[in-house]
N, C-alpha and C. Protein backbone atom coordinates (compact mmCIF):
# COMPACT_ATOMS: atom_id res chain seq x y z
N MET A 1 -0.46 -11.75 187.55
CA MET A 1 -1.54 -12.70 187.46
C MET A 1 -2.77 -12.12 186.75
N ARG A 2 -2.73 -10.78 186.66
CA ARG A 2 -3.90 -10.16 186.08
C ARG A 2 -4.06 -10.53 184.60
N GLY A 3 -3.03 -10.64 183.83
CA GLY A 3 -3.09 -11.01 182.43
C GLY A 3 -3.60 -12.42 182.22
N VAL A 4 -3.31 -13.34 183.11
CA VAL A 4 -3.75 -14.72 182.98
C VAL A 4 -5.26 -14.81 183.15
N SER A 5 -5.84 -14.09 184.08
CA SER A 5 -7.28 -14.16 184.32
C SER A 5 -8.05 -13.57 183.14
N GLU A 6 -7.49 -12.57 182.44
CA GLU A 6 -8.16 -12.06 181.26
C GLU A 6 -8.17 -13.10 180.14
N TYR A 7 -7.07 -13.82 179.99
CA TYR A 7 -7.04 -14.90 179.00
C TYR A 7 -8.01 -16.02 179.37
N VAL A 8 -8.06 -16.35 180.63
CA VAL A 8 -8.99 -17.39 181.07
C VAL A 8 -10.43 -16.93 180.85
N ALA A 9 -10.72 -15.66 181.16
CA ALA A 9 -12.07 -15.13 180.96
C ALA A 9 -12.43 -15.15 179.47
N ALA A 10 -11.52 -14.76 178.62
CA ALA A 10 -11.77 -14.77 177.18
C ALA A 10 -11.97 -16.19 176.68
N LEU A 11 -11.18 -17.11 177.19
CA LEU A 11 -11.32 -18.52 176.80
C LEU A 11 -12.66 -19.07 177.25
N LEU A 12 -13.05 -18.77 178.49
CA LEU A 12 -14.35 -19.23 178.99
C LEU A 12 -15.50 -18.64 178.18
N MET A 13 -15.41 -17.36 177.85
CA MET A 13 -16.46 -16.72 177.05
C MET A 13 -16.53 -17.35 175.65
N THR A 14 -15.39 -17.68 175.08
CA THR A 14 -15.37 -18.33 173.78
C THR A 14 -16.00 -19.71 173.85
N ILE A 15 -15.69 -20.47 174.87
CA ILE A 15 -16.26 -21.81 175.04
C ILE A 15 -17.76 -21.73 175.26
N ILE A 16 -18.20 -20.79 176.11
CA ILE A 16 -19.64 -20.63 176.36
C ILE A 16 -20.36 -20.23 175.07
N THR A 17 -19.78 -19.34 174.30
CA THR A 17 -20.38 -18.90 173.03
C THR A 17 -20.45 -20.06 172.03
N LEU A 18 -19.40 -20.85 171.93
CA LEU A 18 -19.41 -22.00 171.02
C LEU A 18 -20.43 -23.04 171.43
N VAL A 19 -20.54 -23.33 172.72
CA VAL A 19 -21.52 -24.30 173.20
C VAL A 19 -22.94 -23.80 172.93
N ALA A 20 -23.19 -22.50 173.22
CA ALA A 20 -24.52 -21.94 172.95
C ALA A 20 -24.83 -21.99 171.46
N GLY A 21 -23.87 -21.68 170.62
CA GLY A 21 -24.06 -21.75 169.17
C GLY A 21 -24.34 -23.16 168.70
N ALA A 22 -23.64 -24.13 169.29
CA ALA A 22 -23.87 -25.54 168.92
C ALA A 22 -25.28 -25.97 169.31
N ILE A 23 -25.74 -25.54 170.48
CA ILE A 23 -27.10 -25.90 170.93
C ILE A 23 -28.14 -25.30 169.98
N VAL A 24 -27.96 -24.03 169.62
CA VAL A 24 -28.90 -23.39 168.69
C VAL A 24 -28.86 -24.09 167.34
N PHE A 25 -27.68 -24.45 166.85
CA PHE A 25 -27.56 -25.13 165.57
C PHE A 25 -28.25 -26.49 165.59
N ILE A 26 -28.01 -27.26 166.63
CA ILE A 26 -28.62 -28.60 166.72
C ILE A 26 -30.13 -28.49 166.81
N TYR A 27 -30.65 -27.57 167.60
CA TYR A 27 -32.09 -27.39 167.74
C TYR A 27 -32.71 -26.96 166.41
N SER A 28 -32.11 -25.97 165.76
CA SER A 28 -32.68 -25.49 164.50
C SER A 28 -32.56 -26.56 163.40
N TYR A 29 -31.51 -27.35 163.40
CA TYR A 29 -31.38 -28.44 162.43
C TYR A 29 -32.50 -29.46 162.64
N TYR A 30 -32.79 -29.78 163.88
CA TYR A 30 -33.88 -30.73 164.20
C TYR A 30 -35.21 -30.18 163.70
N ILE A 31 -35.50 -28.90 163.93
CA ILE A 31 -36.76 -28.29 163.50
C ILE A 31 -36.86 -28.29 161.98
N VAL A 32 -35.82 -27.86 161.30
CA VAL A 32 -35.83 -27.81 159.84
C VAL A 32 -35.97 -29.21 159.25
N ASP A 33 -35.30 -30.18 159.83
CA ASP A 33 -35.39 -31.56 159.34
C ASP A 33 -36.79 -32.12 159.51
N SER A 34 -37.43 -31.85 160.64
CA SER A 34 -38.78 -32.36 160.86
C SER A 34 -39.77 -31.70 159.90
N TYR A 35 -39.63 -30.38 159.65
CA TYR A 35 -40.49 -29.71 158.67
C TYR A 35 -40.24 -30.24 157.27
N SER A 36 -39.00 -30.52 156.95
CA SER A 36 -38.67 -31.06 155.63
C SER A 36 -39.31 -32.43 155.43
N ASN A 37 -39.24 -33.29 156.44
CA ASN A 37 -39.86 -34.61 156.34
C ASN A 37 -41.37 -34.50 156.21
N GLU A 38 -41.99 -33.60 156.98
CA GLU A 38 -43.44 -33.43 156.91
C GLU A 38 -43.84 -32.89 155.54
N PHE A 39 -43.06 -31.92 155.02
CA PHE A 39 -43.35 -31.37 153.71
C PHE A 39 -43.24 -32.45 152.63
N SER A 40 -42.24 -33.30 152.72
CA SER A 40 -42.07 -34.36 151.73
C SER A 40 -43.24 -35.33 151.75
N SER A 41 -43.70 -35.70 152.95
CA SER A 41 -44.84 -36.63 153.03
C SER A 41 -46.11 -35.96 152.53
N ARG A 42 -46.30 -34.66 152.81
CA ARG A 42 -47.47 -33.96 152.30
C ARG A 42 -47.41 -33.80 150.80
N ALA A 43 -46.22 -33.59 150.27
CA ALA A 43 -46.07 -33.45 148.82
C ALA A 43 -46.44 -34.75 148.12
N LEU A 44 -46.11 -35.88 148.72
CA LEU A 44 -46.48 -37.17 148.15
C LEU A 44 -47.99 -37.33 148.13
N VAL A 45 -48.65 -36.98 149.24
CA VAL A 45 -50.11 -37.07 149.30
C VAL A 45 -50.73 -36.09 148.33
N ALA A 46 -50.20 -34.87 148.27
CA ALA A 46 -50.74 -33.88 147.34
C ALA A 46 -50.54 -34.33 145.90
N GLY A 47 -49.41 -34.95 145.61
CA GLY A 47 -49.18 -35.46 144.27
C GLY A 47 -50.17 -36.53 143.90
N ARG A 48 -50.55 -37.34 144.85
CA ARG A 48 -51.55 -38.36 144.58
C ARG A 48 -52.91 -37.73 144.39
N SER A 49 -53.25 -36.70 145.14
CA SER A 49 -54.56 -36.07 144.98
C SER A 49 -54.67 -35.40 143.62
N LEU A 50 -53.55 -34.94 143.07
CA LEU A 50 -53.57 -34.30 141.77
C LEU A 50 -53.63 -35.32 140.63
N SER A 51 -53.64 -36.59 140.95
CA SER A 51 -53.71 -37.59 139.88
C SER A 51 -55.14 -37.81 139.42
N VAL A 52 -56.08 -37.02 139.93
CA VAL A 52 -57.46 -37.07 139.46
C VAL A 52 -57.78 -35.71 138.85
N ALA A 53 -58.33 -35.73 137.65
CA ALA A 53 -58.66 -34.48 136.97
C ALA A 53 -60.09 -34.55 136.44
N VAL A 54 -60.79 -33.43 136.53
CA VAL A 54 -62.12 -33.32 135.94
C VAL A 54 -61.94 -32.83 134.51
N LEU A 55 -62.45 -33.60 133.57
CA LEU A 55 -62.31 -33.26 132.16
C LEU A 55 -63.48 -32.42 131.65
N ALA A 56 -64.70 -32.72 132.15
CA ALA A 56 -65.88 -31.97 131.73
C ALA A 56 -66.97 -32.16 132.79
N SER A 57 -67.82 -31.16 132.91
CA SER A 57 -68.99 -31.27 133.79
C SER A 57 -70.10 -30.42 133.20
N PHE A 58 -71.31 -30.97 133.19
CA PHE A 58 -72.43 -30.25 132.59
C PHE A 58 -73.74 -30.81 133.15
N ILE A 59 -74.83 -30.07 132.91
CA ILE A 59 -76.17 -30.50 133.29
C ILE A 59 -76.87 -30.91 132.01
N ARG A 60 -77.31 -32.16 131.97
CA ARG A 60 -77.97 -32.70 130.79
C ARG A 60 -79.46 -32.82 131.05
N GLY A 61 -80.26 -32.42 130.10
CA GLY A 61 -81.70 -32.49 130.26
C GLY A 61 -82.18 -31.52 131.33
N SER A 62 -83.18 -31.95 132.08
CA SER A 62 -83.74 -31.05 133.09
C SER A 62 -83.10 -31.23 134.45
N ASN A 63 -82.56 -32.42 134.73
CA ASN A 63 -82.07 -32.60 136.11
C ASN A 63 -80.97 -33.65 136.25
N GLN A 64 -80.08 -33.79 135.30
CA GLN A 64 -79.02 -34.78 135.42
C GLN A 64 -77.66 -34.10 135.29
N VAL A 65 -76.83 -34.24 136.34
CA VAL A 65 -75.47 -33.69 136.35
C VAL A 65 -74.51 -34.79 135.92
N ILE A 66 -73.66 -34.46 134.95
CA ILE A 66 -72.67 -35.41 134.46
C ILE A 66 -71.28 -34.81 134.71
N VAL A 67 -70.39 -35.60 135.32
CA VAL A 67 -69.00 -35.20 135.52
C VAL A 67 -68.13 -36.28 134.89
N ILE A 68 -67.25 -35.88 133.99
CA ILE A 68 -66.32 -36.80 133.35
C ILE A 68 -64.93 -36.49 133.89
N GLY A 69 -64.27 -37.50 134.40
CA GLY A 69 -62.94 -37.30 134.98
C GLY A 69 -61.99 -38.39 134.57
N SER A 70 -60.76 -38.25 135.04
CA SER A 70 -59.72 -39.22 134.71
C SER A 70 -58.76 -39.35 135.88
N THR A 71 -58.31 -40.57 136.12
CA THR A 71 -57.27 -40.79 137.11
C THR A 71 -55.92 -40.80 136.41
N GLY A 72 -54.88 -40.51 137.15
CA GLY A 72 -53.54 -40.45 136.58
C GLY A 72 -52.74 -41.69 136.91
N ALA A 73 -51.56 -41.49 137.48
CA ALA A 73 -50.63 -42.58 137.73
C ALA A 73 -51.01 -43.42 138.94
N TYR A 74 -51.97 -42.97 139.73
CA TYR A 74 -52.39 -43.72 140.93
C TYR A 74 -53.88 -43.99 140.87
N PRO A 75 -54.34 -45.09 141.46
CA PRO A 75 -55.78 -45.29 141.58
C PRO A 75 -56.36 -44.30 142.58
N ALA A 76 -57.65 -44.08 142.51
CA ALA A 76 -58.32 -43.14 143.41
C ALA A 76 -59.58 -43.79 143.97
N THR A 77 -59.90 -43.50 145.22
CA THR A 77 -61.08 -44.06 145.87
C THR A 77 -62.10 -42.95 146.05
N LEU A 78 -63.21 -43.02 145.29
CA LEU A 78 -64.28 -42.03 145.38
C LEU A 78 -65.19 -42.40 146.54
N ARG A 79 -65.34 -41.47 147.49
CA ARG A 79 -66.13 -41.71 148.70
C ARG A 79 -67.52 -41.10 148.63
N ALA A 80 -67.62 -39.86 148.14
CA ALA A 80 -68.91 -39.18 148.16
C ALA A 80 -68.95 -38.12 147.07
N VAL A 81 -70.18 -37.70 146.72
CA VAL A 81 -70.40 -36.63 145.77
C VAL A 81 -71.38 -35.66 146.40
N TYR A 82 -71.00 -34.38 146.39
CA TYR A 82 -71.87 -33.32 146.90
C TYR A 82 -72.24 -32.41 145.75
N ILE A 83 -73.53 -32.09 145.65
CA ILE A 83 -73.99 -31.12 144.67
C ILE A 83 -74.59 -29.95 145.44
N ASN A 84 -74.02 -28.77 145.23
CA ASN A 84 -74.43 -27.56 145.96
C ASN A 84 -74.43 -27.81 147.47
N GLU A 85 -73.36 -28.44 147.95
CA GLU A 85 -73.12 -28.73 149.37
C GLU A 85 -74.10 -29.75 149.97
N SER A 86 -74.82 -30.50 149.15
CA SER A 86 -75.72 -31.55 149.64
C SER A 86 -75.21 -32.91 149.17
N LEU A 87 -75.11 -33.86 150.10
CA LEU A 87 -74.69 -35.21 149.75
C LEU A 87 -75.71 -35.81 148.79
N THR A 88 -75.23 -36.33 147.67
CA THR A 88 -76.11 -36.83 146.63
C THR A 88 -75.70 -38.25 146.27
N VAL A 89 -76.69 -39.12 146.08
CA VAL A 89 -76.43 -40.47 145.61
C VAL A 89 -76.25 -40.43 144.10
N CYS A 90 -75.11 -40.95 143.64
CA CYS A 90 -74.76 -40.88 142.22
C CYS A 90 -74.34 -42.25 141.71
N THR A 91 -74.21 -42.34 140.39
CA THR A 91 -73.72 -43.56 139.76
C THR A 91 -72.35 -43.28 139.16
N LEU A 92 -71.39 -44.13 139.49
CA LEU A 92 -70.02 -44.04 138.97
C LEU A 92 -69.84 -45.14 137.95
N SER A 93 -69.37 -44.79 136.76
CA SER A 93 -69.13 -45.77 135.69
C SER A 93 -67.72 -45.59 135.15
N PHE A 94 -67.06 -46.71 134.92
CA PHE A 94 -65.74 -46.68 134.28
C PHE A 94 -65.49 -48.03 133.63
N ALA A 95 -64.61 -48.02 132.63
CA ALA A 95 -64.30 -49.24 131.89
C ALA A 95 -63.23 -50.02 132.64
N THR A 96 -63.47 -51.31 132.81
CA THR A 96 -62.48 -52.18 133.45
C THR A 96 -61.74 -53.04 132.44
N ALA A 97 -62.28 -53.16 131.26
CA ALA A 97 -61.65 -53.90 130.16
C ALA A 97 -62.18 -53.27 128.87
N PRO A 98 -61.60 -53.60 127.74
CA PRO A 98 -62.08 -52.98 126.49
C PRO A 98 -63.58 -53.15 126.25
N SER A 99 -64.16 -54.24 126.71
CA SER A 99 -65.59 -54.45 126.45
C SER A 99 -66.40 -54.58 127.74
N ALA A 100 -65.82 -54.26 128.90
CA ALA A 100 -66.55 -54.37 130.17
C ALA A 100 -66.58 -53.03 130.89
N THR A 101 -67.75 -52.69 131.41
CA THR A 101 -67.92 -51.44 132.13
C THR A 101 -68.43 -51.75 133.53
N THR A 102 -67.88 -51.06 134.52
CA THR A 102 -68.31 -51.21 135.90
C THR A 102 -69.14 -49.99 136.29
N SER A 103 -70.30 -50.22 136.87
CA SER A 103 -71.16 -49.15 137.38
C SER A 103 -71.44 -49.44 138.84
N LYS A 104 -71.19 -48.44 139.69
CA LYS A 104 -71.42 -48.59 141.12
C LYS A 104 -72.09 -47.35 141.66
N GLN A 105 -72.84 -47.55 142.72
CA GLN A 105 -73.51 -46.43 143.37
C GLN A 105 -72.58 -45.80 144.40
N VAL A 106 -72.50 -44.48 144.40
CA VAL A 106 -71.70 -43.73 145.36
C VAL A 106 -72.67 -42.98 146.26
N ASP A 107 -72.68 -43.35 147.54
CA ASP A 107 -73.66 -42.75 148.46
C ASP A 107 -73.03 -42.14 149.71
N GLY A 108 -71.70 -42.12 149.80
CA GLY A 108 -71.03 -41.54 150.94
C GLY A 108 -70.70 -42.51 152.04
N SER A 109 -71.19 -43.75 151.95
CA SER A 109 -70.93 -44.71 153.03
C SER A 109 -69.71 -45.58 152.75
N THR A 110 -69.52 -45.98 151.51
CA THR A 110 -68.37 -46.81 151.16
C THR A 110 -67.66 -46.19 149.96
N GLY A 111 -66.42 -46.53 149.78
CA GLY A 111 -65.65 -45.99 148.68
C GLY A 111 -65.56 -46.97 147.52
N THR A 112 -65.37 -46.41 146.34
CA THR A 112 -65.18 -47.21 145.13
C THR A 112 -63.82 -46.87 144.55
N VAL A 113 -63.00 -47.87 144.34
CA VAL A 113 -61.66 -47.66 143.79
C VAL A 113 -61.75 -47.58 142.27
N ILE A 114 -61.22 -46.48 141.75
CA ILE A 114 -61.13 -46.30 140.30
C ILE A 114 -59.68 -46.59 139.91
N PRO A 115 -59.45 -47.53 139.01
CA PRO A 115 -58.07 -47.89 138.65
C PRO A 115 -57.31 -46.70 138.06
N TYR A 116 -55.98 -46.80 138.06
CA TYR A 116 -55.17 -45.73 137.51
C TYR A 116 -55.33 -45.67 136.01
N ARG A 117 -55.13 -44.46 135.48
CA ARG A 117 -55.25 -44.16 134.04
C ARG A 117 -56.60 -44.63 133.48
N THR A 118 -57.68 -44.20 134.15
CA THR A 118 -59.02 -44.62 133.77
C THR A 118 -59.92 -43.39 133.66
N VAL A 119 -60.70 -43.34 132.60
CA VAL A 119 -61.71 -42.29 132.46
C VAL A 119 -62.97 -42.78 133.17
N PHE A 120 -63.57 -41.90 133.99
CA PHE A 120 -64.78 -42.27 134.71
C PHE A 120 -65.87 -41.23 134.50
N ILE A 121 -67.12 -41.67 134.68
CA ILE A 121 -68.27 -40.79 134.54
C ILE A 121 -69.10 -40.89 135.80
N VAL A 122 -69.42 -39.74 136.38
CA VAL A 122 -70.30 -39.66 137.54
C VAL A 122 -71.59 -39.02 137.08
N SER A 123 -72.70 -39.71 137.33
CA SER A 123 -74.02 -39.23 136.92
C SER A 123 -74.90 -39.09 138.16
N CYS A 124 -75.48 -37.89 138.34
CA CYS A 124 -76.29 -37.62 139.53
C CYS A 124 -77.57 -36.90 139.12
N ALA A 125 -78.60 -37.08 139.95
CA ALA A 125 -79.83 -36.32 139.76
C ALA A 125 -79.65 -34.96 140.43
N LEU A 126 -80.01 -33.90 139.73
CA LEU A 126 -79.90 -32.55 140.26
C LEU A 126 -81.09 -32.29 141.17
N PRO A 127 -80.86 -31.90 142.43
CA PRO A 127 -81.98 -31.70 143.37
C PRO A 127 -82.94 -30.59 142.96
N SER A 128 -82.46 -29.58 142.25
CA SER A 128 -83.32 -28.48 141.83
C SER A 128 -83.14 -28.23 140.34
N THR A 129 -83.93 -27.33 139.82
CA THR A 129 -83.84 -27.03 138.39
C THR A 129 -83.01 -25.78 138.16
N SER A 130 -81.87 -25.69 138.81
CA SER A 130 -81.00 -24.53 138.62
C SER A 130 -80.17 -24.69 137.34
N ASN A 131 -79.62 -23.57 136.89
CA ASN A 131 -78.81 -23.59 135.67
C ASN A 131 -77.35 -23.91 135.93
N VAL A 132 -76.91 -23.81 137.21
CA VAL A 132 -75.53 -24.04 137.58
C VAL A 132 -75.50 -24.92 138.82
N ALA A 133 -74.54 -25.84 138.87
CA ALA A 133 -74.36 -26.70 140.04
C ALA A 133 -72.88 -26.78 140.37
N VAL A 134 -72.55 -26.70 141.65
CA VAL A 134 -71.18 -26.90 142.11
C VAL A 134 -71.08 -28.33 142.61
N VAL A 135 -70.20 -29.09 141.99
CA VAL A 135 -70.05 -30.52 142.30
C VAL A 135 -68.74 -30.71 143.04
N LYS A 136 -68.78 -31.41 144.17
CA LYS A 136 -67.57 -31.73 144.92
C LYS A 136 -67.42 -33.25 144.95
N LEU A 137 -66.32 -33.74 144.39
CA LEU A 137 -66.01 -35.16 144.44
C LEU A 137 -65.03 -35.38 145.58
N VAL A 138 -65.39 -36.25 146.52
CA VAL A 138 -64.56 -36.51 147.70
C VAL A 138 -63.85 -37.84 147.52
N PHE A 139 -62.52 -37.77 147.45
CA PHE A 139 -61.68 -38.94 147.32
C PHE A 139 -60.91 -39.14 148.63
N ASP A 140 -60.33 -40.31 148.81
CA ASP A 140 -59.45 -40.52 149.96
C ASP A 140 -58.26 -39.57 149.90
N GLU A 141 -57.83 -39.23 148.70
CA GLU A 141 -56.66 -38.41 148.52
C GLU A 141 -56.94 -36.92 148.59
N GLY A 142 -58.21 -36.52 148.63
CA GLY A 142 -58.57 -35.11 148.67
C GLY A 142 -59.89 -34.86 147.97
N GLU A 143 -60.19 -33.59 147.77
CA GLU A 143 -61.45 -33.19 147.14
C GLU A 143 -61.17 -32.43 145.85
N ILE A 144 -62.10 -32.59 144.90
CA ILE A 144 -61.99 -31.86 143.65
C ILE A 144 -63.36 -31.22 143.39
N TYR A 145 -63.33 -29.95 142.99
CA TYR A 145 -64.55 -29.22 142.69
C TYR A 145 -64.70 -29.05 141.18
N ALA A 146 -65.97 -29.05 140.75
CA ALA A 146 -66.29 -28.78 139.35
C ALA A 146 -67.57 -27.96 139.31
N LYS A 147 -67.64 -27.09 138.32
CA LYS A 147 -68.83 -26.26 138.14
C LYS A 147 -69.53 -26.76 136.90
N ALA A 148 -70.79 -27.17 137.04
CA ALA A 148 -71.55 -27.71 135.90
C ALA A 148 -72.61 -26.71 135.50
N GLY A 149 -72.73 -26.50 134.20
CA GLY A 149 -73.75 -25.62 133.65
C GLY A 149 -74.59 -26.38 132.64
N ARG A 150 -75.73 -25.79 132.30
CA ARG A 150 -76.63 -26.42 131.33
C ARG A 150 -76.05 -26.32 129.92
N LEU A 151 -76.28 -27.38 129.15
CA LEU A 151 -75.92 -27.34 127.73
C LEU A 151 -77.00 -26.60 126.98
N VAL A 152 -76.59 -25.78 126.06
CA VAL A 152 -77.57 -24.97 125.32
C VAL A 152 -78.00 -25.71 124.08
């Protein structure tokens, strides 16, 4: 009878090992799948945030910051503009038709939707007479920074 109990013990150990391996596999598959789904949804949001690009930024005259940007394949909603970490009231302008231009005030309270594949201009008063300004454009899809310097 001694040989039978060794076979039974080996069989039981094999079954326990297979069940434990299956539990680890199922748990790790669930974790990897959830991270994959989260990564895919974040990649979509990140892809949308990258559909806005700053084309140029400069300080014109003594105190006017100009930022020229463009939207890509998706529309973008501009919420606020910060200059040197201070919320600034600015004017957003973009063309809505070949002969029509829309100008709206951006003050941080409401958002303005910029259509897809549109060039836009943000014009702000510079709070100080510095030679360099860091401009942060806050969109629903994310934030974009630009460094503006004086034109010589």
